[in-house]
Amino acid sequence: MSDQLSPEEIEELTARLAVLESRQQWAPSKPALRAILYEAGEIKWRLGLITDEELDELEAFYEDFNFEV
C-alpha cells in the first residue's frame, strides 16, 4: 500500500480487523464469511500486512468462492 496512513487510521483499521477476525468463527453463512474474509484482507493490505500478490489471490478466492456444501 503506497498511501501513508495516519496513526488514527491505523488504529481504526486495526480495531476493525480485530472485530472481523473475531466474527469469522461465528459467521452465520458462507456468504457472510466470504464478505468478512474479503474485508479483512483489504484491511490487512492497507496496513501493509499482506502484499499486492496476496491481495490478488484473496480477490480471486473471493470471486470463486463456492456456496455449495
Protein backbone atom coordinates (compact mmCIF):
# COMPACT_ATOMS: atom_id res chain seq x y z
CA MET A 1 0.00 0.00 0.00
CA SER A 2 1.52 3.27 -1.03
CA ASP A 3 -0.72 5.69 0.86
CA GLN A 4 0.57 6.79 4.22
CA LEU A 5 -1.94 6.17 6.96
CA SER A 6 -2.31 8.44 9.93
CA PRO A 7 -1.95 6.94 13.42
CA GLU A 8 -5.72 7.35 13.83
CA GLU A 9 -6.41 5.47 10.60
CA ILE A 10 -4.05 2.69 11.64
CA GLU A 11 -5.79 2.43 14.99
CA GLU A 12 -9.25 2.34 13.38
CA LEU A 13 -8.23 -0.25 10.80
CA THR A 14 -6.53 -2.41 13.42
CA ALA A 15 -9.64 -2.30 15.62
CA ARG A 16 -11.89 -3.17 12.65
CA LEU A 17 -9.60 -6.05 11.70
CA ALA A 18 -9.80 -7.44 15.23
CA VAL A 19 -13.61 -7.32 15.07
CA LEU A 20 -13.67 -9.06 11.71
CA GLU A 21 -11.26 -11.76 12.83
CA SER A 22 -13.40 -12.46 15.90
CA ARG A 23 -16.52 -12.72 13.70
CA GLN A 24 -15.02 -15.28 11.36
CA GLN A 25 -15.78 -18.25 13.59
CA TRP A 26 -19.36 -17.04 14.16
CA ALA A 27 -20.28 -16.13 10.59
CA PRO A 28 -23.91 -17.20 10.10
CA SER A 29 -23.45 -18.24 6.47
CA LYS A 30 -20.86 -18.81 3.77
CA PRO A 31 -21.73 -15.51 2.03
CA ALA A 32 -21.22 -13.68 5.34
CA LEU A 33 -17.87 -15.44 5.89
CA ARG A 34 -16.84 -14.56 2.35
CA ALA A 35 -17.56 -10.87 2.97
CA ILE A 36 -15.71 -10.92 6.31
CA LEU A 37 -12.63 -12.57 4.78
CA TYR A 38 -12.57 -10.12 1.90
CA GLU A 39 -12.89 -7.03 4.09
CA ALA A 40 -10.24 -8.36 6.48
CA GLY A 41 -7.92 -8.95 3.52
CA GLU A 42 -8.38 -5.41 2.25
CA ILE A 43 -7.61 -4.02 5.69
CA LYS A 44 -4.51 -6.19 6.02
CA TRP A 45 -3.36 -4.89 2.64
CA ARG A 46 -3.97 -1.26 3.64
CA LEU A 47 -1.96 -1.87 6.81
CA GLY A 48 0.86 -3.46 4.82
CA LEU A 49 0.36 -6.88 6.40
CA ILE A 50 -0.06 -8.62 3.05
CA THR A 51 1.43 -7.96 -0.38
CA ASP A 52 -0.31 -6.95 -3.59
CA GLU A 53 0.05 -10.53 -4.80
CA GLU A 54 -1.60 -11.89 -1.66
CA LEU A 55 -4.45 -9.42 -2.12
CA ASP A 56 -4.81 -10.57 -5.74
CA GLU A 57 -5.04 -14.18 -4.52
CA LEU A 58 -7.66 -13.19 -1.97
CA GLU A 59 -9.69 -11.39 -4.63
CA ALA A 60 -9.53 -14.46 -6.89
CA PHE A 61 -10.67 -16.64 -3.99
CA TYR A 62 -13.47 -14.16 -3.21
CA GLU A 63 -14.70 -14.25 -6.81
CA ASP A 64 -14.54 -18.06 -7.00
CA PHE A 65 -15.93 -18.73 -3.52
CA ASN A 66 -18.31 -21.67 -3.77
CA PHE A 67 -21.51 -21.54 -1.75
CA GLU A 68 -22.19 -25.25 -2.07
CA VAL A 69 -21.52 -27.56 0.85
